[in-house]
Amino acid sequence: MPDPVDALILDLLEWIGPRPRPYAEVIEAWRTSCPRLPVWEEANQRGFIDHIHEQGHPALVTVSSLGFAQLEAQRGIRVTRDLA
């Protein structure tokens, strides 16, 4: 039986999409206190998320190259990063 966290991680990566999102928005939507569904934590540990910190700007979150490769491998979704 597949791990439900794996499917939720892919949902998270799709939700973030090709453009960076504010860290606060991502955390509000995806952080959980349930130890059985550590989606945000697992995505970070697996290297699927990149964090962007620029002085004077809010922190941003984006899907890493590894995360995009995982989306393509598991769901056939080919996405390129849009940093605009």
PDB file of N, CA and C in Angstrom:
ATOM      1  N   MET A   1       0.829  -1.171   0.000  1.00  0.00           N
ATOM      2  CA  MET A   1       0.000   0.000   0.000  1.00  0.00           C
ATOM      3  C   MET A   1       0.885   1.250   0.000  1.00  0.00           C
ATOM      4  N   PRO A   2       0.635   2.194  -0.904  1.00  0.00           N
ATOM      5  CA  PRO A   2       1.484   3.378  -0.983  1.00  0.00           C
ATOM      6  C   PRO A   2       1.360   4.252   0.269  1.00  0.00           C
ATOM      7  N   ASP A   3       2.436   4.946   0.576  1.00  0.00           N
ATOM      8  CA  ASP A   3       2.467   5.856   1.716  1.00  0.00           C
ATOM      9  C   ASP A   3       1.663   7.114   1.373  1.00  0.00           C
ATOM     10  N   PRO A   4       0.649   7.475   2.184  1.00  0.00           N
ATOM     11  CA  PRO A   4      -0.158   8.661   1.869  1.00  0.00           C
ATOM     12  C   PRO A   4       0.657   9.952   1.890  1.00  0.00           C
ATOM     13  N   VAL A   5       1.752   9.974   2.631  1.00  0.00           N
ATOM     14  CA  VAL A   5       2.588  11.169   2.665  1.00  0.00           C
ATOM     15  C   VAL A   5       3.203  11.429   1.296  1.00  0.00           C
ATOM     16  N   ASP A   6       3.581  10.368   0.574  1.00  0.00           N
ATOM     17  CA  ASP A   6       4.170  10.537  -0.750  1.00  0.00           C
ATOM     18  C   ASP A   6       3.216  11.265  -1.699  1.00  0.00           C
ATOM     19  N   ALA A   7       1.958  10.854  -1.698  1.00  0.00           N
ATOM     20  CA  ALA A   7       0.963  11.508  -2.559  1.00  0.00           C
ATOM     21  C   ALA A   7       0.737  12.954  -2.139  1.00  0.00           C
ATOM     22  N   LEU A   8       0.721  13.202  -0.840  1.00  0.00           N
ATOM     23  CA  LEU A   8       0.519  14.571  -0.351  1.00  0.00           C
ATOM     24  C   LEU A   8       1.720  15.463  -0.672  1.00  0.00           C
ATOM     25  N   ILE A   9       2.902  14.900  -0.657  1.00  0.00           N
ATOM     26  CA  ILE A   9       4.090  15.675  -1.039  1.00  0.00           C
ATOM     27  C   ILE A   9       3.970  16.112  -2.497  1.00  0.00           C
ATOM     28  N   LEU A  10       3.525  15.218  -3.357  1.00  0.00           N
ATOM     29  CA  LEU A  10       3.334  15.587  -4.760  1.00  0.00           C
ATOM     30  C   LEU A  10       2.256  16.664  -4.889  1.00  0.00           C
ATOM     31  N   ASP A  11       1.201  16.566  -4.086  1.00  0.00           N
ATOM     32  CA  ASP A  11       0.169  17.610  -4.078  1.00  0.00           C
ATOM     33  C   ASP A  11       0.770  18.952  -3.663  1.00  0.00           C
ATOM     34  N   LEU A  12       1.618  18.933  -2.642  1.00  0.00           N
ATOM     35  CA  LEU A  12       2.286  20.157  -2.183  1.00  0.00           C
ATOM     36  C   LEU A  12       3.127  20.759  -3.305  1.00  0.00           C
ATOM     37  N   LEU A  13       3.906  19.943  -3.972  1.00  0.00           N
ATOM     38  CA  LEU A  13       4.774  20.439  -5.048  1.00  0.00           C
ATOM     39  C   LEU A  13       3.950  21.031  -6.187  1.00  0.00           C
ATOM     40  N   GLU A  14       2.857  20.371  -6.536  1.00  0.00           N
ATOM     41  CA  GLU A  14       1.965  20.912  -7.572  1.00  0.00           C
ATOM     42  C   GLU A  14       1.355  22.232  -7.117  1.00  0.00           C
ATOM     43  N   TRP A  15       0.950  22.294  -5.848  1.00  0.00           N
ATOM     44  CA  TRP A  15       0.321  23.501  -5.309  1.00  0.00           C
ATOM     45  C   TRP A  15       1.293  24.684  -5.343  1.00  0.00           C
ATOM     46  N   ILE A  16       2.532  24.441  -4.964  1.00  0.00           N
ATOM     47  CA  ILE A  16       3.524  25.524  -5.024  1.00  0.00           C
ATOM     48  C   ILE A  16       3.702  25.955  -6.474  1.00  0.00           C
ATOM     49  N   GLY A  17       3.803  24.986  -7.374  1.00  0.00           N
ATOM     50  CA  GLY A  17       3.899  25.289  -8.795  1.00  0.00           C
ATOM     51  C   GLY A  17       5.226  25.863  -9.218  1.00  0.00           C
ATOM     52  N   PRO A  18       5.266  26.451 -10.400  1.00  0.00           N
ATOM     53  CA  PRO A  18       6.527  26.894 -10.978  1.00  0.00           C
ATOM     54  C   PRO A  18       7.035  28.229 -10.436  1.00  0.00           C
ATOM     55  N   ARG A  19       6.195  28.979  -9.728  1.00  0.00           N
ATOM     56  CA  ARG A  19       6.615  30.285  -9.199  1.00  0.00           C
ATOM     57  C   ARG A  19       6.816  30.219  -7.695  1.00  0.00           C
ATOM     58  N   PRO A  20       7.794  30.944  -7.187  1.00  0.00           N
ATOM     59  CA  PRO A  20       7.968  30.984  -5.732  1.00  0.00           C
ATOM     60  C   PRO A  20       6.714  31.532  -5.044  1.00  0.00           C
ATOM     61  N   ARG A  21       6.433  30.996  -3.869  1.00  0.00           N
ATOM     62  CA  ARG A  21       5.315  31.465  -3.043  1.00  0.00           C
ATOM     63  C   ARG A  21       5.870  31.954  -1.714  1.00  0.00           C
ATOM     64  N   PRO A  22       5.186  32.889  -1.090  1.00  0.00           N
ATOM     65  CA  PRO A  22       5.647  33.337   0.231  1.00  0.00           C
ATOM     66  C   PRO A  22       5.659  32.176   1.232  1.00  0.00           C
ATOM     67  N   TYR A  23       6.731  32.121   1.998  1.00  0.00           N
ATOM     68  CA  TYR A  23       6.879  31.068   3.004  1.00  0.00           C
ATOM     69  C   TYR A  23       5.679  31.034   3.939  1.00  0.00           C
ATOM     70  N   ALA A  24       5.228  32.200   4.403  1.00  0.00           N
ATOM     71  CA  ALA A  24       4.112  32.258   5.350  1.00  0.00           C
ATOM     72  C   ALA A  24       2.846  31.627   4.757  1.00  0.00           C
ATOM     73  N   GLU A  25       2.601  31.849   3.486  1.00  0.00           N
ATOM     74  CA  GLU A  25       1.435  31.270   2.817  1.00  0.00           C
ATOM     75  C   GLU A  25       1.538  29.744   2.749  1.00  0.00           C
ATOM     76  N   VAL A  26       2.719  29.260   2.413  1.00  0.00           N
ATOM     77  CA  VAL A  26       2.927  27.820   2.296  1.00  0.00           C
ATOM     78  C   VAL A  26       2.771  27.143   3.659  1.00  0.00           C
ATOM     79  N   ILE A  27       3.384  27.728   4.671  1.00  0.00           N
ATOM     80  CA  ILE A  27       3.306  27.142   6.011  1.00  0.00           C
ATOM     81  C   ILE A  27       1.873  27.146   6.521  1.00  0.00           C
ATOM     82  N   GLU A  28       1.160  28.230   6.289  1.00  0.00           N
ATOM     83  CA  GLU A  28      -0.230  28.301   6.746  1.00  0.00           C
ATOM     84  C   GLU A  28      -1.072  27.195   6.107  1.00  0.00           C
ATOM     85  N   ALA A  29      -0.818  26.916   4.857  1.00  0.00           N
ATOM     86  CA  ALA A  29      -1.612  25.920   4.137  1.00  0.00           C
ATOM     87  C   ALA A  29      -1.148  24.481   4.377  1.00  0.00           C
ATOM     88  N   TRP A  30       0.135  24.270   4.632  1.00  0.00           N
ATOM     89  CA  TRP A  30       0.656  22.900   4.606  1.00  0.00           C
ATOM     90  C   TRP A  30       1.273  22.381   5.898  1.00  0.00           C
ATOM     91  N   ARG A  31       1.544  23.209   6.860  1.00  0.00           N
ATOM     92  CA  ARG A  31       2.145  22.690   8.095  1.00  0.00           C
ATOM     93  C   ARG A  31       1.085  21.941   8.882  1.00  0.00           C
ATOM     94  N   THR A  32       1.476  20.866   9.493  1.00  0.00           N
ATOM     95  CA  THR A  32       0.547  20.080  10.300  1.00  0.00           C
ATOM     96  C   THR A  32       1.225  19.672  11.595  1.00  0.00           C
ATOM     97  N   SER A  33       0.444  19.482  12.605  1.00  0.00           N
ATOM     98  CA  SER A  33       0.997  18.996  13.870  1.00  0.00           C
ATOM     99  C   SER A  33       0.809  17.478  13.989  1.00  0.00           C
ATOM    100  N   CYS A  34       0.252  16.873  12.955  1.00  0.00           N
ATOM    101  CA  CYS A  34       0.029  15.426  12.977  1.00  0.00           C
ATOM    102  C   CYS A  34       1.339  14.701  12.653  1.00  0.00           C
ATOM    103  N   PRO A  35       1.867  13.926  13.579  1.00  0.00           N
ATOM    104  CA  PRO A  35       3.141  13.242  13.322  1.00  0.00           C
ATOM    105  C   PRO A  35       3.046  12.177  12.234  1.00  0.00           C
ATOM    106  N   ARG A  36       1.844  11.773  11.861  1.00  0.00           N
ATOM    107  CA  ARG A  36       1.697  10.760  10.816  1.00  0.00           C
ATOM    108  C   ARG A  36       1.640  11.368   9.418  1.00  0.00           C
ATOM    109  N   LEU A  37       1.490  12.682   9.329  1.00  0.00           N
ATOM    110  CA  LEU A  37       1.421  13.353   8.025  1.00  0.00           C
ATOM    111  C   LEU A  37       2.396  14.534   7.974  1.00  0.00           C
ATOM    112  N   PRO A  38       3.672  14.252   8.048  1.00  0.00           N
ATOM    113  CA  PRO A  38       4.671  15.331   8.043  1.00  0.00           C
ATOM    114  C   PRO A  38       5.026  15.774   6.617  1.00  0.00           C
ATOM    115  N   VAL A  39       4.040  16.259   5.890  1.00  0.00           N
ATOM    116  CA  VAL A  39       4.219  16.562   4.467  1.00  0.00           C
ATOM    117  C   VAL A  39       5.297  17.610   4.252  1.00  0.00           C
ATOM    118  N   TRP A  40       5.164  18.757   4.890  1.00  0.00           N
ATOM    119  CA  TRP A  40       6.119  19.853   4.737  1.00  0.00           C
ATOM    120  C   TRP A  40       7.521  19.401   5.139  1.00  0.00           C
ATOM    121  N   GLU A  41       7.627  18.742   6.278  1.00  0.00           N
ATOM    122  CA  GLU A  41       8.926  18.318   6.789  1.00  0.00           C
ATOM    123  C   GLU A  41       9.579  17.303   5.850  1.00  0.00           C
ATOM    124  N   GLU A  42       8.803  16.330   5.375  1.00  0.00           N
ATOM    125  CA  GLU A  42       9.336  15.314   4.463  1.00  0.00           C
ATOM    126  C   GLU A  42       9.784  15.921   3.136  1.00  0.00           C
ATOM    127  N   ALA A  43       8.995  16.839   2.601  1.00  0.00           N
ATOM    128  CA  ALA A  43       9.367  17.480   1.333  1.00  0.00           C
ATOM    129  C   ALA A  43      10.703  18.206   1.474  1.00  0.00           C
ATOM    130  N   ASN A  44      10.901  18.863   2.608  1.00  0.00           N
ATOM    131  CA  ASN A  44      12.165  19.546   2.858  1.00  0.00           C
ATOM    132  C   ASN A  44      13.308  18.557   3.021  1.00  0.00           C
ATOM    133  N   GLN A  45      13.090  17.508   3.814  1.00  0.00           N
ATOM    134  CA  GLN A  45      14.147  16.516   4.048  1.00  0.00           C
ATOM    135  C   GLN A  45      14.569  15.811   2.769  1.00  0.00           C
ATOM    136  N   ARG A  46      13.633  15.611   1.856  1.00  0.00           N
ATOM    137  CA  ARG A  46      13.940  14.933   0.600  1.00  0.00           C
ATOM    138  C   ARG A  46      14.562  15.869  -0.437  1.00  0.00           C
ATOM    139  N   GLY A  47      14.675  17.148  -0.117  1.00  0.00           N
ATOM    140  CA  GLY A  47      15.306  18.100  -1.029  1.00  0.00           C
ATOM    141  C   GLY A  47      14.392  18.582  -2.140  1.00  0.00           C
ATOM    142  N   PHE A  48      13.066  18.467  -1.951  1.00  0.00           N
ATOM    143  CA  PHE A  48      12.107  18.860  -2.978  1.00  0.00           C
ATOM    144  C   PHE A  48      11.746  20.343  -2.906  1.00  0.00           C
ATOM    145  N   ILE A  49      12.193  21.031  -1.866  1.00  0.00           N
ATOM    146  CA  ILE A  49      11.838  22.430  -1.638  1.00  0.00           C
ATOM    147  C   ILE A  49      13.112  23.264  -1.530  1.00  0.00           C
ATOM    148  N   ASP A  50      13.106  24.432  -2.160  1.00  0.00           N
ATOM    149  CA  ASP A  50      14.173  25.419  -1.985  1.00  0.00           C
ATOM    150  C   ASP A  50      13.600  26.625  -1.267  1.00  0.00           C
ATOM    151  N   HIS A  51      14.424  27.242  -0.440  1.00  0.00           N
ATOM    152  CA  HIS A  51      14.031  28.446   0.295  1.00  0.00           C
ATOM    153  C   HIS A  51      14.844  29.617  -0.250  1.00  0.00           C
ATOM    154  N   ILE A  52      14.170  30.723  -0.492  1.00  0.00           N
ATOM    155  CA  ILE A  52      14.823  31.916  -1.027  1.00  0.00           C
ATOM    156  C   ILE A  52      14.740  33.018   0.023  1.00  0.00           C
ATOM    157  N   HIS A  53      15.902  33.501   0.442  1.00  0.00           N
ATOM    158  CA  HIS A  53      15.960  34.559   1.443  1.00  0.00           C
ATOM    159  C   HIS A  53      16.749  35.727   0.867  1.00  0.00           C
ATOM    160  N   GLU A  54      16.075  36.836   0.651  1.00  0.00           N
ATOM    161  CA  GLU A  54      16.735  38.053   0.192  1.00  0.00           C
ATOM    162  C   GLU A  54      16.475  39.144   1.223  1.00  0.00           C
ATOM    163  N   GLN A  55      17.527  39.803   1.634  1.00  0.00           N
ATOM    164  CA  GLN A  55      17.408  40.826   2.657  1.00  0.00           C
ATOM    165  C   GLN A  55      16.384  41.885   2.238  1.00  0.00           C
ATOM    166  N   GLY A  56      15.487  42.213   3.152  1.00  0.00           N
ATOM    167  CA  GLY A  56      14.483  43.223   2.895  1.00  0.00           C
ATOM    168  C   GLY A  56      13.236  42.714   2.203  1.00  0.00           C
ATOM    169  N   HIS A  57      13.177  41.399   1.928  1.00  0.00           N
ATOM    170  CA  HIS A  57      12.020  40.801   1.258  1.00  0.00           C
ATOM    171  C   HIS A  57      11.525  39.610   2.080  1.00  0.00           C
ATOM    172  N   PRO A  58      10.229  39.311   1.990  1.00  0.00           N
ATOM    173  CA  PRO A  58       9.734  38.127   2.699  1.00  0.00           C
ATOM    174  C   PRO A  58      10.363  36.850   2.139  1.00  0.00           C
ATOM    175  N   ALA A  59      10.514  35.864   2.999  1.00  0.00           N
ATOM    176  CA  ALA A  59      11.061  34.574   2.574  1.00  0.00           C
ATOM    177  C   ALA A  59      10.115  33.926   1.572  1.00  0.00           C
ATOM    178  N   LEU A  60      10.698  33.257   0.586  1.00  0.00           N
ATOM    179  CA  LEU A  60       9.925  32.561  -0.443  1.00  0.00           C
ATOM    180  C   LEU A  60      10.274  31.082  -0.442  1.00  0.00           C
ATOM    181  N   VAL A  61       9.366  30.298  -0.985  1.00  0.00           N
ATOM    182  CA  VAL A  61       9.554  28.853  -1.124  1.00  0.00           C
ATOM    183  C   VAL A  61       9.303  28.510  -2.580  1.00  0.00           C
ATOM    184  N   THR A  62      10.122  27.622  -3.117  1.00  0.00           N
ATOM    185  CA  THR A  62       9.940  27.158  -4.484  1.00  0.00           C
ATOM    186  C   THR A  62      10.249  25.671  -4.564  1.00  0.00           C
ATOM    187  N   VAL A  63       9.758  25.036  -5.580  1.00  0.00           N
ATOM    188  CA  VAL A  63      10.060  23.623  -5.815  1.00  0.00           C
ATOM    189  C   VAL A  63      11.486  23.539  -6.363  1.00  0.00           C
ATOM    190  N   SER A  64      12.266  22.638  -5.818  1.00  0.00           N
ATOM    191  CA  SER A  64      13.638  22.454  -6.284  1.00  0.00           C
ATOM    192  C   SER A  64      13.661  21.672  -7.594  1.00  0.00           C
ATOM    193  N   SER A  65      14.813  21.622  -8.208  1.00  0.00           N
ATOM    194  CA  SER A  65      14.981  20.819  -9.428  1.00  0.00           C
ATOM    195  C   SER A  65      14.654  19.358  -9.145  1.00  0.00           C
ATOM    196  N   LEU A  66      15.056  18.878  -7.993  1.00  0.00           N
ATOM    197  CA  LEU A  66      14.758  17.500  -7.595  1.00  0.00           C
ATOM    198  C   LEU A  66      13.247  17.312  -7.426  1.00  0.00           C
ATOM    199  N   GLY A  67      12.574  18.314  -6.876  1.00  0.00           N
ATOM    200  CA  GLY A  67      11.125  18.253  -6.717  1.00  0.00           C
ATOM    201  C   GLY A  67      10.408  18.204  -8.056  1.00  0.00           C
ATOM    202  N   PHE A  68      10.859  19.037  -9.002  1.00  0.00           N
ATOM    203  CA  PHE A  68      10.269  19.005 -10.344  1.00  0.00           C
ATOM    204  C   PHE A  68      10.498  17.647 -11.009  1.00  0.00           C
ATOM    205  N   ALA A  69      11.680  17.075 -10.811  1.00  0.00           N
ATOM    206  CA  ALA A  69      11.974  15.756 -11.377  1.00  0.00           C
ATOM    207  C   ALA A  69      11.062  14.695 -10.762  1.00  0.00           C
ATOM    208  N   GLN A  70      10.782  14.813  -9.479  1.00  0.00           N
ATOM    209  CA  GLN A  70       9.883  13.868  -8.808  1.00  0.00           C
ATOM    210  C   GLN A  70       8.462  13.988  -9.358  1.00  0.00           C
ATOM    211  N   LEU A  71       7.994  15.208  -9.555  1.00  0.00           N
ATOM    212  CA  LEU A  71       6.665  15.420 -10.146  1.00  0.00           C
ATOM    213  C   LEU A  71       6.563  14.780 -11.526  1.00  0.00           C
ATOM    214  N   GLU A  72       7.608  14.970 -12.315  1.00  0.00           N
ATOM    215  CA  GLU A  72       7.586  14.403 -13.667  1.00  0.00           C
ATOM    216  C   GLU A  72       7.612  12.876 -13.616  1.00  0.00           C
ATOM    217  N   ALA A  73       8.445  12.324 -12.736  1.00  0.00           N
ATOM    218  CA  ALA A  73       8.567  10.869 -12.643  1.00  0.00           C
ATOM    219  C   ALA A  73       7.300  10.213 -12.105  1.00  0.00           C
ATOM    220  N   GLN A  74       6.671  10.832 -11.128  1.00  0.00           N
ATOM    221  CA  GLN A  74       5.532  10.202 -10.471  1.00  0.00           C
ATOM    222  C   GLN A  74       4.178  10.542 -11.088  1.00  0.00           C
ATOM    223  N   ARG A  75       4.062  11.740 -11.654  1.00  0.00           N
ATOM    224  CA  ARG A  75       2.759  12.161 -12.172  1.00  0.00           C
ATOM    225  C   ARG A  75       2.800  12.567 -13.639  1.00  0.00           C
ATOM    226  N   GLY A  76       3.973  12.498 -14.243  1.00  0.00           N
ATOM    227  CA  GLY A  76       4.078  12.866 -15.649  1.00  0.00           C
ATOM    228  C   GLY A  76       3.910  14.355 -15.888  1.00  0.00           C
ATOM    229  N   ILE A  77       4.094  15.136 -14.836  1.00  0.00           N
ATOM    230  CA  ILE A  77       3.930  16.592 -14.947  1.00  0.00           C
ATOM    231  C   ILE A  77       5.305  17.210 -15.183  1.00  0.00           C
ATOM    232  N   ARG A  78       5.431  17.854 -16.319  1.00  0.00           N
ATOM    233  CA  ARG A  78       6.689  18.517 -16.636  1.00  0.00           C
ATOM    234  C   ARG A  78       6.502  20.011 -16.413  1.00  0.00           C
ATOM    235  N   VAL A  79       7.248  20.544 -15.469  1.00  0.00           N
ATOM    236  CA  VAL A  79       7.145  21.955 -15.098  1.00  0.00           C
ATOM    237  C   VAL A  79       8.539  22.539 -15.085  1.00  0.00           C
ATOM    238  N   THR A  80       8.642  23.752 -15.545  1.00  0.00           N
ATOM    239  CA  THR A  80       9.910  24.462 -15.437  1.00  0.00           C
ATOM    240  C   THR A  80       9.730  25.608 -14.468  1.00  0.00           C
ATOM    241  N   ARG A  81      10.771  25.917 -13.777  1.00  0.00           N
ATOM    242  CA  ARG A  81      10.734  26.956 -12.751  1.00  0.00           C
ATOM    243  C   ARG A  81      10.584  28.319 -13.405  1.00  0.00           C
ATOM    244  N   ASP A  82       9.745  29.125 -12.814  1.00  0.00           N
ATOM    245  CA  ASP A  82       9.503  30.493 -13.273  1.00  0.00           C
ATOM    246  C   ASP A  82       9.848  31.422 -12.126  1.00  0.00           C
ATOM    247  N   LEU A  83      11.003  32.043 -12.186  1.00  0.00           N
ATOM    248  CA  LEU A  83      11.455  32.917 -11.105  1.00  0.00           C
ATOM    249  C   LEU A  83      11.032  34.356 -11.310  1.00  0.00           C
ATOM    250  N   ALA A  84      10.207  34.617 -12.295  1.00  0.00           N
ATOM    251  CA  ALA A  84       9.760  35.994 -12.548  1.00  0.00           C
ATOM    252  C   ALA A  84       8.772  36.450 -11.513  1.00  0.00           C
TER     253      ALA A  84
END
